Every structure is written in structure tokens, then in C-alpha cells.
Amino acid sequence: MLARVSDTDVRTDEIRAALETLDPREQAALARDPNLLAQAVRSLLARQIVLKEALAKKWDQQPEAAALLQRARENAIVEGYLQSVSTPPEGYPSDAELQTFYEANKARLQVPRQYRIAQIFIALPKDADKAATESAEAKLAAVRRQLGQPEADFAGVARAHSDEKVSAENGGEAGWVLETQLRPEILEAVAALAPGSLSAPVRLDDGWHIVKALETKEPYTLGLTEVRGQLAQQLRAERARANRQAWMARLLEQNPMAINELALSQVLAPGGTAKAGN
């Protein structure tokens, strides 16, 4: 038993089956975050409570509910069947097909230049009043004096004075950052730094940033082994869409359609319906 809803036990396999109906990305997010998983399970259990009450009141036998159920059933049958006839064979794509696709898409598989940086941040919003401005500027001046001392301890100064508390706890370190993730002003400053050197204070809308360059990784292209699964999934999805479109085209060719345009125009006319036989 995984949980209890009122007087009913809910088994682990029941919850697992419900979670397996979610999008793969949603499942991955739940696997990484226990709190999010618990929230999702509570939501599923709440739906079970609602379902139990609705069935007890025979809501599924109401005409509107019955029509919705019928449409949902038909949609599930159609979608499941289309998926079965469009799914690529097990061996697709082959190693050769993957290699060809990889070579054709190398440009989008390039990882931009990365910087491992640390920073000291002095908060000073653009709309700060005179007192806040003077206080921040005094703090900035004090920080610069400390950093200008021989054998200055950047990490220690960051822990003591940086207003960005998350990185401050780690001596100002922000970790590896793609150059595309950096603000242009910060990128310009960092790109000019040698490892171990500091930038002049960079003024942004939120305040002053003093950045230290730690390491740089040059741009590189992901290897096929790193992206094999991702590329195979993409190729299978594209082939499935193509198979589906081709299968539907053949089906419609074998079963020509004729629509009465006049009757169609009356289908959604306010207060009106198409006459019988139209």
C-alpha cells in the first residue's frame, strides 16, 4: 500500500501506472524532485476521491457525461491505432542513418564557450534613493579596497559582502555558465579576463558586479555517443509523423469524402441546425 484515500488503500502499482501516462519530461521532473512527486500523487489521489463520488452519484450515466466518455473512448481508439500503424520498426534508425543525421546536424550540436566565474554583487537598483545609493557606493569602495590588497581573498570578501547570497556562501562562485547565458555587459568583461583576474565593477540595472574569471572552456561539438539517444528519438518521431501522414493519405484516397458545404454552413449557425437529409 502506498497511500490511503478515506477507507480505500491505494497500491504502488496503481500510482505507478497513473504516472506512466504523463509526458516523459514530466516523469523526469518528478523523479528529480520528491516534493513535486508528492504533489503529483496528492493530485492523483484527489482525482480518485472525486471519481468515487461521481460514480456513486451515477454521474457517468448523465447524457452529457456519457457523450464525453464516448468521444474520449473513440479518440483513444483512433489515436492508439494510428500510433500502432505509424511506429517505425524496432531497428530504426540504423547506425549509418544516425551517423548521417549527426553529420548533417553538427552545427546545432555545438556547445558555446563556457566560463567558470565568481562574482561579488553590490545591490543598487536604478531607482534607488540618495541614501541607498550612497550606502551602496560606500560598500563598493570598501570592497574594491579589500580586493586591491596584496594576497586579497576574493572568496572571503564575497562571503562577507556580496548581496547575492547563494553564490556568496560558495565564495562568490557561480559555476560554469554558457556565454549565451551572460548579460552582454558581463560577457564583454569576462571575455577580456585572464584566468584568476578580476573585472572592474560592471553596472547593471540591479547593481554592481565584480567578476572573477576562474576557467574557460572553448566551444566544442557534442560527440555522437553523447547525443545518440536524443537523435534516435528525434528520427523515430519524425519517421512516425511521416508514416502517419502517408497512412492517412492512403486511407482517404481509398475512402473519398464529399461534404455538403451548404449544410456545413448551418452546423454552427446560432439557433439553427442543418435540416435532415442535407
Protein backbone atom coordinates (compact mmCIF):
# COMPACT_ATOMS: atom_id res chain seq x y z
CA MET A 1 0.00 0.00 0.00
CA LEU A 2 1.33 3.43 -0.94
CA ALA A 3 -1.49 5.60 0.38
CA ARG A 4 -4.98 5.53 1.82
CA VAL A 5 -7.91 7.55 0.49
CA SER A 6 -10.74 7.57 3.00
CA ASP A 7 -11.31 3.84 3.60
CA THR A 8 -9.60 2.66 0.41
CA ASP A 9 -5.97 1.54 0.10
CA VAL A 10 -4.06 2.69 -2.98
CA ARG A 11 -1.32 0.35 -4.20
CA THR A 12 2.07 1.42 -5.50
CA ASP A 13 1.43 -0.18 -8.90
CA GLU A 14 -1.77 1.86 -9.30
CA ILE A 15 0.08 5.13 -8.75
CA ARG A 16 2.95 3.99 -10.99
CA ALA A 17 0.51 3.18 -13.79
CA ALA A 18 -1.07 6.62 -13.47
CA LEU A 19 2.30 8.38 -13.51
CA GLU A 20 3.38 6.43 -16.59
CA THR A 21 0.64 8.19 -18.57
CA LEU A 22 2.46 11.52 -18.09
CA ASP A 23 4.79 13.08 -20.64
CA PRO A 24 8.39 11.71 -20.35
CA ARG A 25 9.68 15.17 -19.43
CA GLU A 26 7.11 15.40 -16.63
CA GLN A 27 8.13 11.96 -15.38
CA ALA A 28 11.80 13.01 -15.37
CA ALA A 29 10.96 16.17 -13.41
CA LEU A 30 9.05 14.13 -10.81
CA ALA A 31 11.93 11.67 -10.49
CA ARG A 32 14.31 14.55 -9.67
CA ASP A 33 12.06 16.32 -7.16
CA PRO A 34 10.48 14.33 -4.28
CA ASN A 35 8.29 17.30 -3.31
CA LEU A 36 6.94 17.60 -6.85
CA LEU A 37 6.32 13.84 -6.92
CA ALA A 38 4.39 14.01 -3.64
CA GLN A 39 2.33 16.89 -5.02
CA ALA A 40 1.54 14.93 -8.19
CA VAL A 41 0.49 11.88 -6.16
CA ARG A 42 -1.78 14.02 -3.98
CA SER A 43 -3.38 15.41 -7.12
CA LEU A 44 -3.97 11.89 -8.44
CA LEU A 45 -5.47 10.81 -5.13
CA ALA A 46 -7.73 13.87 -5.08
CA ARG A 47 -9.00 12.91 -8.52
CA GLN A 48 -9.74 9.42 -7.23
CA ILE A 49 -11.86 10.94 -4.45
CA VAL A 50 -13.80 12.99 -6.99
CA LEU A 51 -14.19 9.95 -9.27
CA LYS A 52 -15.50 7.80 -6.43
CA GLU A 53 -18.13 10.39 -5.51
CA ALA A 54 -19.14 10.97 -9.14
CA LEU A 55 -19.61 7.23 -9.75
CA ALA A 56 -21.57 6.88 -6.53
CA LYS A 57 -23.97 9.52 -7.86
CA LYS A 58 -24.08 7.78 -11.27
CA TRP A 59 -22.69 10.89 -12.94
CA ASP A 60 -21.22 8.75 -15.71
CA GLN A 61 -24.79 7.91 -16.75
CA GLN A 62 -25.76 11.54 -17.33
CA PRO A 63 -26.25 12.21 -21.08
CA GLU A 64 -23.52 14.88 -21.20
CA ALA A 65 -21.04 12.70 -19.31
CA ALA A 66 -21.89 9.66 -21.44
CA ALA A 67 -21.27 11.68 -24.61
CA LEU A 68 -17.92 12.90 -23.29
CA LEU A 69 -16.93 9.35 -22.35
CA GLN A 70 -17.88 8.08 -25.80
CA ARG A 71 -15.81 10.77 -27.52
CA ALA A 72 -12.87 10.09 -25.23
CA ARG A 73 -13.14 6.35 -25.96
CA GLU A 74 -13.27 6.93 -29.71
CA ASN A 75 -10.34 9.36 -29.58
CA ALA A 76 -8.28 6.87 -27.57
CA ILE A 77 -9.04 4.08 -30.06
CA VAL A 78 -8.19 6.25 -33.07
CA GLU A 79 -5.00 7.64 -31.54
CA GLY A 80 -3.84 4.23 -30.35
CA TYR A 81 -4.48 2.66 -33.75
CA LEU A 82 -2.73 5.48 -35.62
CA GLN A 83 0.24 5.09 -33.33
CA SER A 84 0.35 1.35 -33.99
CA VAL A 85 0.38 1.75 -37.78
CA SER A 86 2.89 4.62 -37.81
CA THR A 87 5.50 3.43 -35.30
CA PRO A 88 8.86 2.85 -37.07
CA PRO A 89 10.38 -0.65 -36.98
CA GLU A 90 12.44 -1.59 -33.93
CA GLY A 91 15.76 -1.29 -35.75
CA TYR A 92 15.20 2.26 -36.94
CA PRO A 93 17.36 4.29 -37.14
CA SER A 94 20.38 2.21 -38.09
CA ASP A 95 23.91 3.19 -37.08
CA ALA A 96 24.53 4.50 -40.60
CA GLU A 97 21.36 6.61 -40.55
CA LEU A 98 22.31 8.02 -37.16
CA GLN A 99 25.80 8.88 -38.38
CA THR A 100 24.43 10.65 -41.46
CA PHE A 101 21.92 12.62 -39.38
CA TYR A 102 24.63 13.53 -36.87
CA GLU A 103 26.96 14.85 -39.57
CA ALA A 104 24.16 16.92 -41.10
CA ASN A 105 23.27 18.48 -37.75
CA LYS A 106 26.68 19.15 -36.19
CA ALA A 107 26.14 22.91 -36.27
CA ARG A 108 23.25 22.75 -33.81
CA LEU A 109 25.12 20.32 -31.58
CA GLN A 110 27.86 22.80 -30.76
CA VAL A 111 28.22 23.83 -27.13
CA PRO A 112 29.09 27.55 -26.82
CA ARG A 113 32.13 28.80 -24.95
CA GLN A 114 31.74 28.39 -21.19
CA TYR A 115 33.16 30.38 -18.31
CA ARG A 116 33.55 29.35 -14.69
CA ILE A 117 33.19 32.60 -12.82
CA ALA A 118 32.78 34.06 -9.36
CA GLN A 119 31.29 37.41 -8.51
CA ILE A 120 30.74 39.96 -5.80
CA PHE A 121 27.41 41.71 -6.21
CA ILE A 122 26.54 45.04 -4.64
CA ALA A 123 22.81 45.68 -4.97
CA LEU A 124 21.78 49.12 -6.21
CA PRO A 125 18.55 49.35 -8.23
CA LYS A 126 18.32 52.11 -10.81
CA ASP A 127 15.52 53.81 -8.87
CA ALA A 128 17.36 53.72 -5.51
CA ASP A 129 17.09 56.85 -3.39
CA LYS A 130 20.05 59.00 -2.38
CA ALA A 131 20.66 57.25 0.94
CA ALA A 132 20.64 53.77 -0.63
CA THR A 133 22.92 54.96 -3.43
CA GLU A 134 25.46 56.46 -1.03
CA SER A 135 25.41 53.31 1.12
CA ALA A 136 25.95 51.00 -1.89
CA GLU A 137 28.72 53.17 -3.31
CA ALA A 138 30.48 53.23 0.06
CA LYS A 139 30.20 49.43 0.24
CA LEU A 140 31.54 49.11 -3.30
CA ALA A 141 34.51 51.34 -2.47
CA ALA A 142 35.29 49.28 0.65
CA VAL A 143 35.11 46.04 -1.34
CA ARG A 144 37.45 47.41 -4.01
CA ARG A 145 39.95 48.49 -1.34
CA GLN A 146 39.95 44.99 0.14
CA LEU A 147 40.38 43.38 -3.28
CA GLY A 148 43.25 45.73 -4.03
CA GLN A 149 45.28 44.47 -1.08
CA PRO A 150 48.19 42.07 -1.69
CA GLU A 151 47.06 38.45 -1.38
CA ALA A 152 43.42 39.59 -1.31
CA ASP A 153 40.98 36.75 -0.60
CA PHE A 154 38.23 37.15 -3.19
CA ALA A 155 36.19 34.28 -1.76
CA GLY A 156 36.36 35.72 1.74
CA VAL A 157 35.33 39.18 0.54
CA ALA A 158 32.43 37.64 -1.41
CA ARG A 159 31.21 35.70 1.62
CA ALA A 160 31.33 38.82 3.76
CA HIS A 161 29.96 41.44 1.38
CA SER A 162 28.22 40.04 -1.71
CA ASP A 163 24.47 40.68 -1.81
CA GLU A 164 23.90 37.58 -3.96
CA LYS A 165 23.61 35.21 -1.03
CA VAL A 166 23.52 31.89 -2.90
CA SER A 167 26.89 32.38 -4.62
CA ALA A 168 28.28 34.30 -1.61
CA GLU A 169 28.03 31.16 0.52
CA ASN A 170 30.31 29.49 -2.03
CA GLY A 171 32.88 32.26 -2.08
CA GLY A 172 31.12 34.03 -4.94
CA GLU A 173 31.36 31.07 -7.31
CA ALA A 174 28.55 30.86 -9.85
CA GLY A 175 29.87 27.71 -11.54
CA TRP A 176 30.06 27.09 -15.28
CA VAL A 177 27.96 29.44 -17.40
CA LEU A 178 27.43 29.38 -21.16
CA GLU A 179 28.45 32.62 -22.83
CA THR A 180 24.93 32.81 -24.28
CA GLN A 181 23.54 32.96 -20.73
CA LEU A 182 25.56 36.00 -19.70
CA ARG A 183 24.37 39.57 -19.98
CA PRO A 184 26.28 41.33 -22.79
CA GLU A 185 27.96 43.71 -20.34
CA ILE A 186 29.16 40.82 -18.17
CA LEU A 187 30.26 38.78 -21.19
CA GLU A 188 32.32 41.68 -22.52
CA ALA A 189 34.08 42.00 -19.18
CA VAL A 190 34.66 38.26 -18.68
CA ALA A 191 35.89 37.65 -22.23
CA ALA A 192 38.72 40.11 -21.66
CA LEU A 193 39.92 38.49 -18.43
CA ALA A 194 42.76 36.05 -17.95
CA PRO A 195 42.08 33.20 -15.51
CA GLY A 196 42.37 34.48 -11.94
CA SER A 197 41.91 38.15 -12.80
CA LEU A 198 39.09 40.50 -11.81
CA SER A 199 36.91 42.83 -13.81
CA ALA A 200 36.24 46.43 -12.98
CA PRO A 201 32.79 46.88 -11.43
CA VAL A 202 30.10 46.38 -14.09
CA ARG A 203 26.96 48.44 -13.57
CA LEU A 204 23.67 46.73 -14.43
CA ASP A 205 20.09 47.63 -13.58
CA ASP A 206 20.24 45.65 -10.35
CA GLY A 207 23.60 46.88 -9.06
CA TRP A 208 27.36 46.44 -9.37
CA HIS A 209 29.04 43.18 -10.39
CA ILE A 210 32.73 42.47 -9.83
CA VAL A 211 33.55 39.30 -11.74
CA LYS A 212 36.48 36.93 -11.34
CA ALA A 213 37.43 34.61 -14.20
CA LEU A 214 38.31 31.12 -12.99
CA GLU A 215 38.38 28.86 -16.07
CA THR A 216 37.30 28.86 -19.71
CA LYS A 217 36.10 26.03 -21.95
CA GLU A 218 36.30 26.65 -25.66
CA PRO A 219 33.31 25.80 -27.88
CA TYR A 220 33.06 22.15 -28.88
CA THR A 221 30.72 19.82 -30.70
CA LEU A 222 28.96 17.06 -28.78
CA GLY A 223 30.08 13.60 -29.87
CA LEU A 224 27.70 11.09 -31.40
CA THR A 225 27.88 8.87 -28.32
CA GLU A 226 26.66 11.80 -26.19
CA VAL A 227 23.61 12.53 -28.33
CA ARG A 228 22.83 9.11 -29.81
CA GLY A 229 19.67 8.62 -27.74
CA GLN A 230 18.42 12.15 -28.39
CA LEU A 231 18.99 11.91 -32.15
CA ALA A 232 17.45 8.43 -32.37
CA GLN A 233 14.35 9.69 -30.57
CA GLN A 234 14.09 12.65 -32.94
CA LEU A 235 14.47 10.47 -36.03
CA ARG A 236 11.87 8.00 -34.78
CA ALA A 237 9.43 10.83 -34.04
CA GLU A 238 9.94 12.34 -37.50
CA ARG A 239 9.53 8.95 -39.20
CA ALA A 240 6.38 8.26 -37.15
CA ARG A 241 4.87 11.59 -38.27
CA ALA A 242 5.74 10.84 -41.90
CA ASN A 243 4.30 7.31 -41.63
CA ARG A 244 1.12 8.69 -40.07
CA GLN A 245 0.63 11.28 -42.81
CA ALA A 246 1.29 8.73 -45.55
CA TRP A 247 -1.08 6.19 -43.99
CA MET A 248 -3.83 8.81 -43.62
CA ALA A 249 -3.34 9.92 -47.23
CA ARG A 250 -3.77 6.32 -48.46
CA LEU A 251 -6.83 5.82 -46.27
CA LEU A 252 -8.52 8.99 -47.54
CA GLU A 253 -7.68 8.05 -51.12
CA GLN A 254 -9.42 4.71 -50.59
CA ASN A 255 -12.37 6.42 -48.87
CA PRO A 256 -13.18 9.67 -50.76
CA MET A 257 -15.10 12.33 -48.84
CA ALA A 258 -17.90 14.57 -50.04
CA ILE A 259 -19.12 17.40 -47.81
CA ASN A 260 -22.33 19.37 -48.34
CA GLU A 261 -20.96 22.88 -47.93
CA LEU A 262 -24.43 24.43 -47.52
CA ALA A 263 -25.34 22.06 -44.73
CA LEU A 264 -21.92 22.61 -43.17
CA SER A 265 -22.51 26.36 -43.02
CA GLN A 266 -25.62 25.74 -40.89
CA VAL A 267 -23.99 23.40 -38.38
CA LEU A 268 -22.83 26.16 -36.05
CA ALA A 269 -25.38 28.80 -37.07
CA PRO A 270 -26.88 30.46 -33.95
CA GLY A 271 -30.12 28.74 -33.01
CA GLY A 272 -30.13 26.60 -36.13
CA THR A 273 -29.21 23.09 -37.22
CA ALA A 274 -28.84 21.51 -40.61
CA LYS A 275 -32.06 20.06 -41.96
CA ALA A 276 -32.42 16.33 -42.16
CA GLY A 277 -31.06 14.97 -45.39
CA ASN A 278 -28.70 17.90 -46.00
